[in-house]
PDB file of all heavy atoms in Angstrom:
ATOM      1  N   GLY A   1       1.264   9.231  11.279  1.00  0.00           N
ATOM      2  CA  GLY A   1       0.523  10.011  10.299  1.00  0.00           C
ATOM      3  C   GLY A   1       0.568   9.548   8.887  1.00  0.00           C
ATOM      4  O   GLY A   1      -0.020  10.122   8.011  1.00  0.00           O
ATOM      5  N   VAL A   2       1.275   8.427   8.642  1.00  0.00           N
ATOM      6  CA  VAL A   2       1.369   7.836   7.359  1.00  0.00           C
ATOM      7  C   VAL A   2       0.843   6.420   7.379  1.00  0.00           C
ATOM      8  O   VAL A   2       1.189   5.662   8.295  1.00  0.00           O
ATOM      9  CB  VAL A   2       2.869   7.846   6.825  1.00  0.00           C
ATOM     10  CG1 VAL A   2       2.991   7.176   5.511  1.00  0.00           C
ATOM     11  CG2 VAL A   2       3.412   9.257   6.767  1.00  0.00           C
ATOM     12  N   GLY A   3       0.041   6.074   6.446  1.00  0.00           N
ATOM     13  CA  GLY A   3      -0.492   4.734   6.355  1.00  0.00           C
ATOM     14  C   GLY A   3       0.576   3.710   6.161  1.00  0.00           C
ATOM     15  O   GLY A   3       1.699   4.022   5.732  1.00  0.00           O
ATOM     16  N   ASP A   4       0.307   2.431   6.502  1.00  0.00           N
ATOM     17  CA  ASP A   4       1.381   1.363   6.419  1.00  0.00           C
ATOM     18  C   ASP A   4       0.744   0.049   6.077  1.00  0.00           C
ATOM     19  O   ASP A   4      -0.447  -0.076   5.944  1.00  0.00           O
ATOM     20  CB  ASP A   4       2.127   1.336   7.794  1.00  0.00           C
ATOM     21  CG  ASP A   4       1.139   1.328   8.982  1.00  0.00           C
ATOM     22  OD1 ASP A   4       0.173   0.590   9.003  1.00  0.00           O
ATOM     23  OD2 ASP A   4       1.423   2.118   9.921  1.00  0.00           O
ATOM     24  N   LEU A   5       1.627  -0.879   5.841  1.00  0.00           N
ATOM     25  CA  LEU A   5       1.154  -2.243   5.409  1.00  0.00           C
ATOM     26  C   LEU A   5       0.296  -2.912   6.458  1.00  0.00           C
ATOM     27  O   LEU A   5      -0.756  -3.551   6.219  1.00  0.00           O
ATOM     28  CB  LEU A   5       2.341  -3.151   5.063  1.00  0.00           C
ATOM     29  CG  LEU A   5       3.170  -2.657   3.856  1.00  0.00           C
ATOM     30  CD1 LEU A   5       4.331  -3.603   3.588  1.00  0.00           C
ATOM     31  CD2 LEU A   5       2.298  -2.505   2.552  1.00  0.00           C
ATOM     32  N   ALA A   6       0.666  -2.719   7.720  1.00  0.00           N
ATOM     33  CA  ALA A   6      -0.192  -3.287   8.832  1.00  0.00           C
ATOM     34  C   ALA A   6      -1.553  -2.723   8.876  1.00  0.00           C
ATOM     35  O   ALA A   6      -2.492  -3.375   9.187  1.00  0.00           O
ATOM     36  CB  ALA A   6       0.544  -3.093  10.162  1.00  0.00           C
ATOM     37  N   GLY A   7      -1.642  -1.431   8.488  1.00  0.00           N
ATOM     38  CA  GLY A   7      -2.952  -0.839   8.431  1.00  0.00           C
ATOM     39  C   GLY A   7      -3.796  -1.421   7.314  1.00  0.00           C
ATOM     40  O   GLY A   7      -5.021  -1.605   7.461  1.00  0.00           O
ATOM     41  N   ILE A   8      -3.212  -1.717   6.115  1.00  0.00           N
ATOM     42  CA  ILE A   8      -3.933  -2.380   5.079  1.00  0.00           C
ATOM     43  C   ILE A   8      -4.440  -3.681   5.562  1.00  0.00           C
ATOM     44  O   ILE A   8      -5.594  -4.112   5.328  1.00  0.00           O
ATOM     45  CB  ILE A   8      -3.041  -2.471   3.824  1.00  0.00           C
ATOM     46  CG1 ILE A   8      -2.687  -1.121   3.260  1.00  0.00           C
ATOM     47  CG2 ILE A   8      -3.772  -3.332   2.757  1.00  0.00           C
ATOM     48  CD1 ILE A   8      -1.692  -1.129   2.135  1.00  0.00           C
ATOM     49  N   THR A   9      -3.551  -4.454   6.215  1.00  0.00           N
ATOM     50  CA  THR A   9      -3.910  -5.799   6.696  1.00  0.00           C
ATOM     51  C   THR A   9      -5.121  -5.672   7.660  1.00  0.00           C
ATOM     52  O   THR A   9      -6.041  -6.477   7.586  1.00  0.00           O
ATOM     53  CB  THR A   9      -2.758  -6.460   7.406  1.00  0.00           C
ATOM     54  OG1 THR A   9      -1.604  -6.527   6.492  1.00  0.00           O
ATOM     55  CG2 THR A   9      -3.120  -7.835   7.862  1.00  0.00           C
ATOM     56  N   GLU A  10      -5.099  -4.682   8.540  1.00  0.00           N
ATOM     57  CA  GLU A  10      -6.155  -4.505   9.468  1.00  0.00           C
ATOM     58  C   GLU A  10      -7.473  -4.210   8.797  1.00  0.00           C
ATOM     59  O   GLU A  10      -8.556  -4.616   9.264  1.00  0.00           O
ATOM     60  CB  GLU A  10      -5.810  -3.280  10.356  1.00  0.00           C
ATOM     61  CG  GLU A  10      -6.803  -2.943  11.411  1.00  0.00           C
ATOM     62  CD  GLU A  10      -6.392  -1.720  12.187  1.00  0.00           C
ATOM     63  OE1 GLU A  10      -5.248  -1.749  12.732  1.00  0.00           O
ATOM     64  OE2 GLU A  10      -7.168  -0.760  12.339  1.00  0.00           O
ATOM     65  N   ARG A  11      -7.453  -3.562   7.683  1.00  0.00           N
ATOM     66  CA  ARG A  11      -8.676  -3.175   6.935  1.00  0.00           C
ATOM     67  C   ARG A  11      -9.115  -4.154   5.838  1.00  0.00           C
ATOM     68  O   ARG A  11     -10.066  -3.909   5.177  1.00  0.00           O
ATOM     69  CB  ARG A  11      -8.506  -1.755   6.330  1.00  0.00           C
ATOM     70  CG  ARG A  11      -8.313  -0.671   7.380  1.00  0.00           C
ATOM     71  CD  ARG A  11      -9.559  -0.463   8.296  1.00  0.00           C
ATOM     72  NE  ARG A  11      -9.400   0.697   9.125  1.00  0.00           N
ATOM     73  CZ  ARG A  11     -10.344   1.093   9.951  1.00  0.00           C
ATOM     74  NH1 ARG A  11     -11.487   0.405  10.116  1.00  0.00           N
ATOM     75  NH2 ARG A  11     -10.163   2.201  10.741  1.00  0.00           N
ATOM     76  N   LEU A  12      -8.353  -5.248   5.686  1.00  0.00           N
ATOM     77  CA  LEU A  12      -8.671  -6.155   4.660  1.00  0.00           C
ATOM     78  C   LEU A  12     -10.100  -6.793   4.765  1.00  0.00           C
ATOM     79  O   LEU A  12     -10.743  -7.030   3.706  1.00  0.00           O
ATOM     80  CB  LEU A  12      -7.671  -7.315   4.543  1.00  0.00           C
ATOM     81  CG  LEU A  12      -6.353  -6.922   3.810  1.00  0.00           C
ATOM     82  CD1 LEU A  12      -5.332  -8.020   3.974  1.00  0.00           C
ATOM     83  CD2 LEU A  12      -6.608  -6.568   2.376  1.00  0.00           C
ATOM     84  N   PRO A  13     -10.647  -7.016   5.928  1.00  0.00           N
ATOM     85  CA  PRO A  13     -12.048  -7.527   5.957  1.00  0.00           C
ATOM     86  C   PRO A  13     -13.019  -6.554   5.303  1.00  0.00           C
ATOM     87  O   PRO A  13     -13.967  -7.023   4.719  1.00  0.00           O
ATOM     88  CB  PRO A  13     -12.297  -7.680   7.473  1.00  0.00           C
ATOM     89  CG  PRO A  13     -10.919  -7.981   8.081  1.00  0.00           C
ATOM     90  CD  PRO A  13     -10.018  -7.134   7.268  1.00  0.00           C
ATOM     91  N   TYR A  14     -12.795  -5.264   5.453  1.00  0.00           N
ATOM     92  CA  TYR A  14     -13.634  -4.298   4.768  1.00  0.00           C
ATOM     93  C   TYR A  14     -13.522  -4.442   3.242  1.00  0.00           C
ATOM     94  O   TYR A  14     -14.515  -4.435   2.504  1.00  0.00           O
ATOM     95  CB  TYR A  14     -13.236  -2.907   5.199  1.00  0.00           C
ATOM     96  CG  TYR A  14     -13.811  -1.805   4.354  1.00  0.00           C
ATOM     97  CD1 TYR A  14     -15.110  -1.298   4.548  1.00  0.00           C
ATOM     98  CD2 TYR A  14     -13.026  -1.217   3.345  1.00  0.00           C
ATOM     99  CE1 TYR A  14     -15.608  -0.278   3.760  1.00  0.00           C
ATOM    100  CE2 TYR A  14     -13.555  -0.197   2.521  1.00  0.00           C
ATOM    101  CZ  TYR A  14     -14.906   0.255   2.740  1.00  0.00           C
ATOM    102  OH  TYR A  14     -15.401   1.256   1.950  1.00  0.00           O
ATOM    103  N   VAL A  15     -12.258  -4.599   2.798  1.00  0.00           N
ATOM    104  CA  VAL A  15     -12.026  -4.775   1.321  1.00  0.00           C
ATOM    105  C   VAL A  15     -12.711  -6.056   0.827  1.00  0.00           C
ATOM    106  O   VAL A  15     -13.399  -6.055  -0.217  1.00  0.00           O
ATOM    107  CB  VAL A  15     -10.546  -4.781   0.996  1.00  0.00           C
ATOM    108  CG1 VAL A  15     -10.301  -5.035  -0.439  1.00  0.00           C
ATOM    109  CG2 VAL A  15      -9.866  -3.504   1.439  1.00  0.00           C
ATOM    110  N   ALA A  16     -12.543  -7.157   1.636  1.00  0.00           N
ATOM    111  CA  ALA A  16     -13.161  -8.437   1.216  1.00  0.00           C
ATOM    112  C   ALA A  16     -14.635  -8.285   1.170  1.00  0.00           C
ATOM    113  O   ALA A  16     -15.289  -8.910   0.271  1.00  0.00           O
ATOM    114  CB  ALA A  16     -12.707  -9.515   2.164  1.00  0.00           C
ATOM    115  N   ALA A  17     -15.224  -7.507   2.086  1.00  0.00           N
ATOM    116  CA  ALA A  17     -16.717  -7.369   2.053  1.00  0.00           C
ATOM    117  C   ALA A  17     -17.198  -6.593   0.875  1.00  0.00           C
ATOM    118  O   ALA A  17     -18.362  -6.741   0.520  1.00  0.00           O
ATOM    119  CB  ALA A  17     -17.113  -6.689   3.355  1.00  0.00           C
ATOM    120  N   LEU A  18     -16.364  -5.824   0.263  1.00  0.00           N
ATOM    121  CA  LEU A  18     -16.732  -5.159  -1.016  1.00  0.00           C
ATOM    122  C   LEU A  18     -17.055  -6.185  -2.120  1.00  0.00           C
ATOM    123  O   LEU A  18     -17.895  -6.033  -3.011  1.00  0.00           O
ATOM    124  CB  LEU A  18     -15.724  -4.188  -1.481  1.00  0.00           C
ATOM    125  CG  LEU A  18     -15.555  -2.882  -0.774  1.00  0.00           C
ATOM    126  CD1 LEU A  18     -14.289  -2.074  -1.324  1.00  0.00           C
ATOM    127  CD2 LEU A  18     -16.795  -2.001  -0.904  1.00  0.00           C
ATOM    128  N   GLY A  19     -16.309  -7.303  -2.036  1.00  0.00           N
ATOM    129  CA  GLY A  19     -16.436  -8.360  -3.034  1.00  0.00           C
ATOM    130  C   GLY A  19     -15.462  -8.285  -4.197  1.00  0.00           C
ATOM    131  O   GLY A  19     -15.629  -8.968  -5.173  1.00  0.00           O
ATOM    132  N   VAL A  20     -14.462  -7.403  -4.144  1.00  0.00           N
ATOM    133  CA  VAL A  20     -13.537  -7.298  -5.205  1.00  0.00           C
ATOM    134  C   VAL A  20     -12.648  -8.499  -5.336  1.00  0.00           C
ATOM    135  O   VAL A  20     -12.468  -9.332  -4.380  1.00  0.00           O
ATOM    136  CB  VAL A  20     -12.655  -6.026  -5.038  1.00  0.00           C
ATOM    137  CG1 VAL A  20     -13.520  -4.822  -5.006  1.00  0.00           C
ATOM    138  CG2 VAL A  20     -11.802  -6.171  -3.738  1.00  0.00           C
ATOM    139  N   ASP A  21     -12.053  -8.699  -6.500  1.00  0.00           N
ATOM    140  CA  ASP A  21     -11.165  -9.829  -6.818  1.00  0.00           C
ATOM    141  C   ASP A  21      -9.812  -9.612  -6.220  1.00  0.00           C
ATOM    142  O   ASP A  21      -9.118 -10.589  -5.870  1.00  0.00           O
ATOM    143  CB  ASP A  21     -11.077 -10.081  -8.313  1.00  0.00           C
ATOM    144  CG  ASP A  21     -12.398 -10.519  -8.942  1.00  0.00           C
ATOM    145  OD1 ASP A  21     -12.680 -11.724  -8.864  1.00  0.00           O
ATOM    146  OD2 ASP A  21     -13.142  -9.662  -9.520  1.00  0.00           O
ATOM    147  N   ALA A  22      -9.297  -8.386  -6.312  1.00  0.00           N
ATOM    148  CA  ALA A  22      -7.900  -8.134  -5.975  1.00  0.00           C
ATOM    149  C   ALA A  22      -7.759  -6.712  -5.449  1.00  0.00           C
ATOM    150  O   ALA A  22      -8.565  -5.833  -5.643  1.00  0.00           O
ATOM    151  CB  ALA A  22      -6.988  -8.366  -7.187  1.00  0.00           C
ATOM    152  N   ILE A  23      -6.642  -6.524  -4.801  1.00  0.00           N
ATOM    153  CA  ILE A  23      -6.195  -5.139  -4.419  1.00  0.00           C
ATOM    154  C   ILE A  23      -4.920  -4.891  -5.249  1.00  0.00           C
ATOM    155  O   ILE A  23      -4.168  -5.758  -5.537  1.00  0.00           O
ATOM    156  CB  ILE A  23      -5.871  -4.997  -2.921  1.00  0.00           C
ATOM    157  CG1 ILE A  23      -4.852  -6.000  -2.394  1.00  0.00           C
ATOM    158  CG2 ILE A  23      -7.142  -5.057  -2.090  1.00  0.00           C
ATOM    159  CD1 ILE A  23      -4.441  -5.764  -0.955  1.00  0.00           C
ATOM    160  N   TRP A  24      -4.755  -3.603  -5.620  1.00  0.00           N
ATOM    161  CA  TRP A  24      -3.489  -3.115  -6.171  1.00  0.00           C
ATOM    162  C   TRP A  24      -2.951  -2.131  -5.169  1.00  0.00           C
ATOM    163  O   TRP A  24      -3.657  -1.162  -4.850  1.00  0.00           O
ATOM    164  CB  TRP A  24      -3.742  -2.488  -7.529  1.00  0.00           C
ATOM    165  CG  TRP A  24      -2.889  -1.278  -7.894  1.00  0.00           C
ATOM    166  CD1 TRP A  24      -1.644  -0.990  -7.501  1.00  0.00           C
ATOM    167  CD2 TRP A  24      -3.345  -0.200  -8.748  1.00  0.00           C
ATOM    168  NE1 TRP A  24      -1.193   0.191  -8.065  1.00  0.00           N
ATOM    169  CE2 TRP A  24      -2.222   0.667  -8.796  1.00  0.00           C
ATOM    170  CE3 TRP A  24      -4.469   0.090  -9.428  1.00  0.00           C
ATOM    171  CZ2 TRP A  24      -2.215   1.897  -9.522  1.00  0.00           C
ATOM    172  CZ3 TRP A  24      -4.462   1.296 -10.169  1.00  0.00           C
ATOM    173  CH2 TRP A  24      -3.432   2.174 -10.226  1.00  0.00           C
ATOM    174  N   ILE A  25      -1.735  -2.339  -4.643  1.00  0.00           N
ATOM    175  CA  ILE A  25      -1.131  -1.523  -3.689  1.00  0.00           C
ATOM    176  C   ILE A  25      -0.132  -0.645  -4.399  1.00  0.00           C
ATOM    177  O   ILE A  25       0.843  -1.161  -5.053  1.00  0.00           O
ATOM    178  CB  ILE A  25      -0.441  -2.291  -2.562  1.00  0.00           C
ATOM    179  CG1 ILE A  25      -1.416  -3.382  -1.948  1.00  0.00           C
ATOM    180  CG2 ILE A  25       0.033  -1.364  -1.511  1.00  0.00           C
ATOM    181  CD1 ILE A  25      -0.696  -4.275  -1.018  1.00  0.00           C
ATOM    182  N   SER A  26      -0.290   0.650  -4.321  1.00  0.00           N
ATOM    183  CA  SER A  26       0.683   1.594  -4.852  1.00  0.00           C
ATOM    184  C   SER A  26       2.034   1.427  -4.170  1.00  0.00           C
ATOM    185  O   SER A  26       2.071   0.819  -3.140  1.00  0.00           O
ATOM    186  CB  SER A  26       0.209   3.012  -4.723  1.00  0.00           C
ATOM    187  OG  SER A  26      -0.937   3.212  -5.603  1.00  0.00           O
ATOM    188  N   PRO A  27       3.135   1.938  -4.752  1.00  0.00           N
ATOM    189  CA  PRO A  27       4.496   1.564  -4.244  1.00  0.00           C
ATOM    190  C   PRO A  27       4.741   1.783  -2.758  1.00  0.00           C
ATOM    191  O   PRO A  27       4.319   2.805  -2.200  1.00  0.00           O
ATOM    192  CB  PRO A  27       5.377   2.468  -5.087  1.00  0.00           C
ATOM    193  CG  PRO A  27       4.652   2.694  -6.361  1.00  0.00           C
ATOM    194  CD  PRO A  27       3.223   2.773  -5.968  1.00  0.00           C
ATOM    195  N   PHE A  28       5.355   0.793  -2.179  1.00  0.00           N
ATOM    196  CA  PHE A  28       5.764   0.788  -0.804  1.00  0.00           C
ATOM    197  C   PHE A  28       7.245   0.426  -0.572  1.00  0.00           C
ATOM    198  O   PHE A  28       7.666   0.196   0.503  1.00  0.00           O
ATOM    199  CB  PHE A  28       4.904  -0.208   0.035  1.00  0.00           C
ATOM    200  CG  PHE A  28       4.942  -1.583  -0.580  1.00  0.00           C
ATOM    201  CD1 PHE A  28       5.946  -2.471  -0.379  1.00  0.00           C
ATOM    202  CD2 PHE A  28       3.879  -1.965  -1.429  1.00  0.00           C
ATOM    203  CE1 PHE A  28       5.979  -3.764  -0.964  1.00  0.00           C
ATOM    204  CE2 PHE A  28       3.887  -3.250  -2.003  1.00  0.00           C
ATOM    205  CZ  PHE A  28       4.928  -4.083  -1.779  1.00  0.00           C
ATOM    206  N   PHE A  29       7.992   0.496  -1.740  1.00  0.00           N
ATOM    207  CA  PHE A  29       9.361   0.079  -1.717  1.00  0.00           C
ATOM    208  C   PHE A  29      10.257   1.182  -1.033  1.00  0.00           C
ATOM    209  O   PHE A  29       9.782   2.334  -0.902  1.00  0.00           O
ATOM    210  CB  PHE A  29       9.890  -0.190  -3.145  1.00  0.00           C
ATOM    211  CG  PHE A  29       9.035  -0.984  -3.944  1.00  0.00           C
ATOM    212  CD1 PHE A  29       8.288  -0.434  -5.024  1.00  0.00           C
ATOM    213  CD2 PHE A  29       8.767  -2.348  -3.774  1.00  0.00           C
ATOM    214  CE1 PHE A  29       7.412  -1.169  -5.837  1.00  0.00           C
ATOM    215  CE2 PHE A  29       7.962  -3.087  -4.543  1.00  0.00           C
ATOM    216  CZ  PHE A  29       7.262  -2.497  -5.509  1.00  0.00           C
ATOM    217  N   THR A  30      11.428   0.854  -0.694  1.00  0.00           N
ATOM    218  CA  THR A  30      12.399   1.819  -0.128  1.00  0.00           C
ATOM    219  C   THR A  30      12.555   2.914  -1.121  1.00  0.00           C
ATOM    220  O   THR A  30      12.822   2.763  -2.346  1.00  0.00           O
ATOM    221  CB  THR A  30      13.726   1.150   0.111  1.00  0.00           C
ATOM    222  OG1 THR A  30      13.551  -0.047   0.914  1.00  0.00           O
ATOM    223  CG2 THR A  30      14.682   2.152   0.872  1.00  0.00           C
ATOM    224  N   SER A  31      12.424   4.190  -0.592  1.00  0.00           N
ATOM    225  CA  SER A  31      12.363   5.307  -1.445  1.00  0.00           C
ATOM    226  C   SER A  31      12.654   6.618  -0.719  1.00  0.00           C
ATOM    227  O   SER A  31      12.250   6.722   0.487  1.00  0.00           O
ATOM    228  CB  SER A  31      10.989   5.449  -2.113  1.00  0.00           C
ATOM    229  OG  SER A  31      10.777   6.721  -2.763  1.00  0.00           O
ATOM    230  N   PRO A  32      13.269   7.597  -1.318  1.00  0.00           N
ATOM    231  CA  PRO A  32      13.400   8.932  -0.667  1.00  0.00           C
ATOM    232  C   PRO A  32      12.094   9.678  -0.656  1.00  0.00           C
ATOM    233  O   PRO A  32      11.966  10.797  -0.071  1.00  0.00           O
ATOM    234  CB  PRO A  32      14.519   9.623  -1.510  1.00  0.00           C
ATOM    235  CG  PRO A  32      14.426   8.946  -2.792  1.00  0.00           C
ATOM    236  CD  PRO A  32      14.027   7.534  -2.538  1.00  0.00           C
ATOM    237  N   MET A  33      11.120   9.148  -1.338  1.00  0.00           N
ATOM    238  CA  MET A  33       9.716   9.683  -1.333  1.00  0.00           C
ATOM    239  C   MET A  33       9.606  11.108  -1.968  1.00  0.00           C
ATOM    240  O   MET A  33       8.648  11.857  -1.639  1.00  0.00           O
ATOM    241  CB  MET A  33       9.129   9.736   0.112  1.00  0.00           C
ATOM    242  CG  MET A  33       9.022   8.353   0.684  1.00  0.00           C
ATOM    243  SD  MET A  33       7.807   7.307  -0.085  1.00  0.00           S
ATOM    244  CE  MET A  33       8.227   5.685   0.526  1.00  0.00           C
ATOM    245  N   LYS A  34      10.470  11.403  -2.908  1.00  0.00           N
ATOM    246  CA  LYS A  34      10.290  12.683  -3.617  1.00  0.00           C
ATOM    247  C   LYS A  34       9.102  12.623  -4.513  1.00  0.00           C
ATOM    248  O   LYS A  34       8.522  13.645  -4.791  1.00  0.00           O
ATOM    249  CB  LYS A  34      11.583  13.040  -4.343  1.00  0.00           C
ATOM    250  CG  LYS A  34      12.709  13.314  -3.404  1.00  0.00           C
ATOM    251  CD  LYS A  34      14.025  13.567  -4.201  1.00  0.00           C
ATOM    252  CE  LYS A  34      15.199  13.795  -3.191  1.00  0.00           C
ATOM    253  NZ  LYS A  34      16.433  14.015  -3.902  1.00  0.00           N
ATOM    254  N   ASP A  35       8.763  11.451  -5.015  1.00  0.00           N
ATOM    255  CA  ASP A  35       7.518  11.218  -5.777  1.00  0.00           C
ATOM    256  C   ASP A  35       6.643  10.168  -5.031  1.00  0.00           C
ATOM    257  O   ASP A  35       5.920   9.400  -5.692  1.00  0.00           O
ATOM    258  CB  ASP A  35       7.756  10.829  -7.168  1.00  0.00           C
ATOM    259  CG  ASP A  35       6.516  10.893  -8.075  1.00  0.00           C
ATOM    260  OD1 ASP A  35       5.604  11.640  -7.698  1.00  0.00           O
ATOM    261  OD2 ASP A  35       6.493  10.231  -9.116  1.00  0.00           O
ATOM    262  N   PHE A  36       6.762  10.163  -3.748  1.00  0.00           N
ATOM    263  CA  PHE A  36       5.904   9.343  -2.896  1.00  0.00           C
ATOM    264  C   PHE A  36       5.896   7.863  -3.297  1.00  0.00           C
ATOM    265  O   PHE A  36       4.836   7.191  -3.446  1.00  0.00           O
ATOM    266  CB  PHE A  36       4.495   9.890  -2.856  1.00  0.00           C
ATOM    267  CG  PHE A  36       4.505  11.297  -2.290  1.00  0.00           C
ATOM    268  CD1 PHE A  36       4.328  12.371  -3.129  1.00  0.00           C
ATOM    269  CD2 PHE A  36       4.771  11.593  -0.928  1.00  0.00           C
ATOM    270  CE1 PHE A  36       4.369  13.675  -2.673  1.00  0.00           C
ATOM    271  CE2 PHE A  36       4.883  12.827  -0.419  1.00  0.00           C
ATOM    272  CZ  PHE A  36       4.662  13.874  -1.299  1.00  0.00           C
ATOM    273  N   GLY A  37       7.100   7.292  -3.481  1.00  0.00           N
ATOM    274  CA  GLY A  37       7.259   5.890  -3.709  1.00  0.00           C
ATOM    275  C   GLY A  37       7.493   5.504  -5.162  1.00  0.00           C
ATOM    276  O   GLY A  37       7.967   4.389  -5.460  1.00  0.00           O
ATOM    277  N   TYR A  38       7.132   6.401  -6.067  1.00  0.00           N
ATOM    278  CA  TYR A  38       7.424   6.089  -7.496  1.00  0.00           C
ATOM    279  C   TYR A  38       8.856   6.450  -7.867  1.00  0.00           C
ATOM    280  O   TYR A  38       9.206   6.412  -9.034  1.00  0.00           O
ATOM    281  CB  TYR A  38       6.414   6.837  -8.399  1.00  0.00           C
ATOM    282  CG  TYR A  38       5.009   6.155  -8.333  1.00  0.00           C
ATOM    283  CD1 TYR A  38       4.087   6.602  -7.358  1.00  0.00           C
ATOM    284  CD2 TYR A  38       4.739   5.177  -9.200  1.00  0.00           C
ATOM    285  CE1 TYR A  38       2.840   5.920  -7.332  1.00  0.00           C
ATOM    286  CE2 TYR A  38       3.439   4.580  -9.108  1.00  0.00           C
ATOM    287  CZ  TYR A  38       2.503   4.970  -8.194  1.00  0.00           C
ATOM    288  OH  TYR A  38       1.329   4.313  -8.137  1.00  0.00           O
ATOM    289  N   ASP A  39       9.676   6.725  -6.904  1.00  0.00           N
ATOM    290  CA  ASP A  39      11.134   6.889  -7.050  1.00  0.00           C
ATOM    291  C   ASP A  39      11.773   5.832  -6.133  1.00  0.00           C
ATOM    292  O   ASP A  39      12.028   6.086  -4.984  1.00  0.00           O
ATOM    293  CB  ASP A  39      11.518   8.314  -6.655  1.00  0.00           C
ATOM    294  CG  ASP A  39      10.983   8.801  -5.347  1.00  0.00           C
ATOM    295  OD1 ASP A  39       9.863   8.374  -4.971  1.00  0.00           O
ATOM    296  OD2 ASP A  39      11.697   9.606  -4.680  1.00  0.00           O
ATOM    297  N   VAL A  40      12.069   4.694  -6.733  1.00  0.00           N
ATOM    298  CA  VAL A  40      12.478   3.525  -5.944  1.00  0.00           C
ATOM    299  C   VAL A  40      14.012   3.469  -5.793  1.00  0.00           C
ATOM    300  O   VAL A  40      14.743   3.608  -6.765  1.00  0.00           O
ATOM    301  CB  VAL A  40      11.941   2.249  -6.685  1.00  0.00           C
ATOM    302  CG1 VAL A  40      12.422   1.034  -5.805  1.00  0.00           C
ATOM    303  CG2 VAL A  40      10.472   2.265  -6.808  1.00  0.00           C
ATOM    304  N   SER A  41      14.423   3.333  -4.565  1.00  0.00           N
ATOM    305  CA  SER A  41      15.905   3.206  -4.320  1.00  0.00           C
ATOM    306  C   SER A  41      16.274   1.748  -3.914  1.00  0.00           C
ATOM    307  O   SER A  41      17.472   1.422  -3.954  1.00  0.00           O
ATOM    308  CB  SER A  41      16.316   4.146  -3.181  1.00  0.00           C
ATOM    309  OG  SER A  41      15.619   3.955  -1.995  1.00  0.00           O
ATOM    310  N   ASP A  42      15.276   0.924  -3.618  1.00  0.00           N
ATOM    311  CA  ASP A  42      15.529  -0.535  -3.477  1.00  0.00           C
ATOM    312  C   ASP A  42      14.216  -1.260  -3.824  1.00  0.00           C
ATOM    313  O   ASP A  42      13.263  -1.146  -3.091  1.00  0.00           O
ATOM    314  CB  ASP A  42      15.917  -0.887  -2.045  1.00  0.00           C
ATOM    315  CG  ASP A  42      16.331  -2.313  -1.820  1.00  0.00           C
ATOM    316  OD1 ASP A  42      16.029  -3.135  -2.683  1.00  0.00           O
ATOM    317  OD2 ASP A  42      16.995  -2.611  -0.772  1.00  0.00           O
ATOM    318  N   TYR A  43      14.279  -2.055  -4.897  1.00  0.00           N
ATOM    319  CA  TYR A  43      13.105  -2.673  -5.455  1.00  0.00           C
ATOM    320  C   TYR A  43      12.661  -3.871  -4.602  1.00  0.00           C
ATOM    321  O   TYR A  43      11.574  -4.338  -4.727  1.00  0.00           O
ATOM    322  CB  TYR A  43      13.330  -3.161  -6.886  1.00  0.00           C
ATOM    323  CG  TYR A  43      13.264  -2.080  -7.914  1.00  0.00           C
ATOM    324  CD1 TYR A  43      14.362  -1.485  -8.479  1.00  0.00           C
ATOM    325  CD2 TYR A  43      11.993  -1.605  -8.383  1.00  0.00           C
ATOM    326  CE1 TYR A  43      14.390  -0.585  -9.417  1.00  0.00           C
ATOM    327  CE2 TYR A  43      11.949  -0.592  -9.333  1.00  0.00           C
ATOM    328  CZ  TYR A  43      13.129  -0.109  -9.847  1.00  0.00           C
ATOM    329  OH  TYR A  43      13.027   0.862 -10.859  1.00  0.00           O
TER     330      TYR A  43
END
């Protein structure tokens, strides 16, 4: 029920078809997720 990096990879052809230059991925680092990744416990 939570998105993941493999899911982003799976959808990258869709992103590329938009024509954008880059993606910015919000935090995915190790975290207790009290602020959903913006509280990092291992960078």
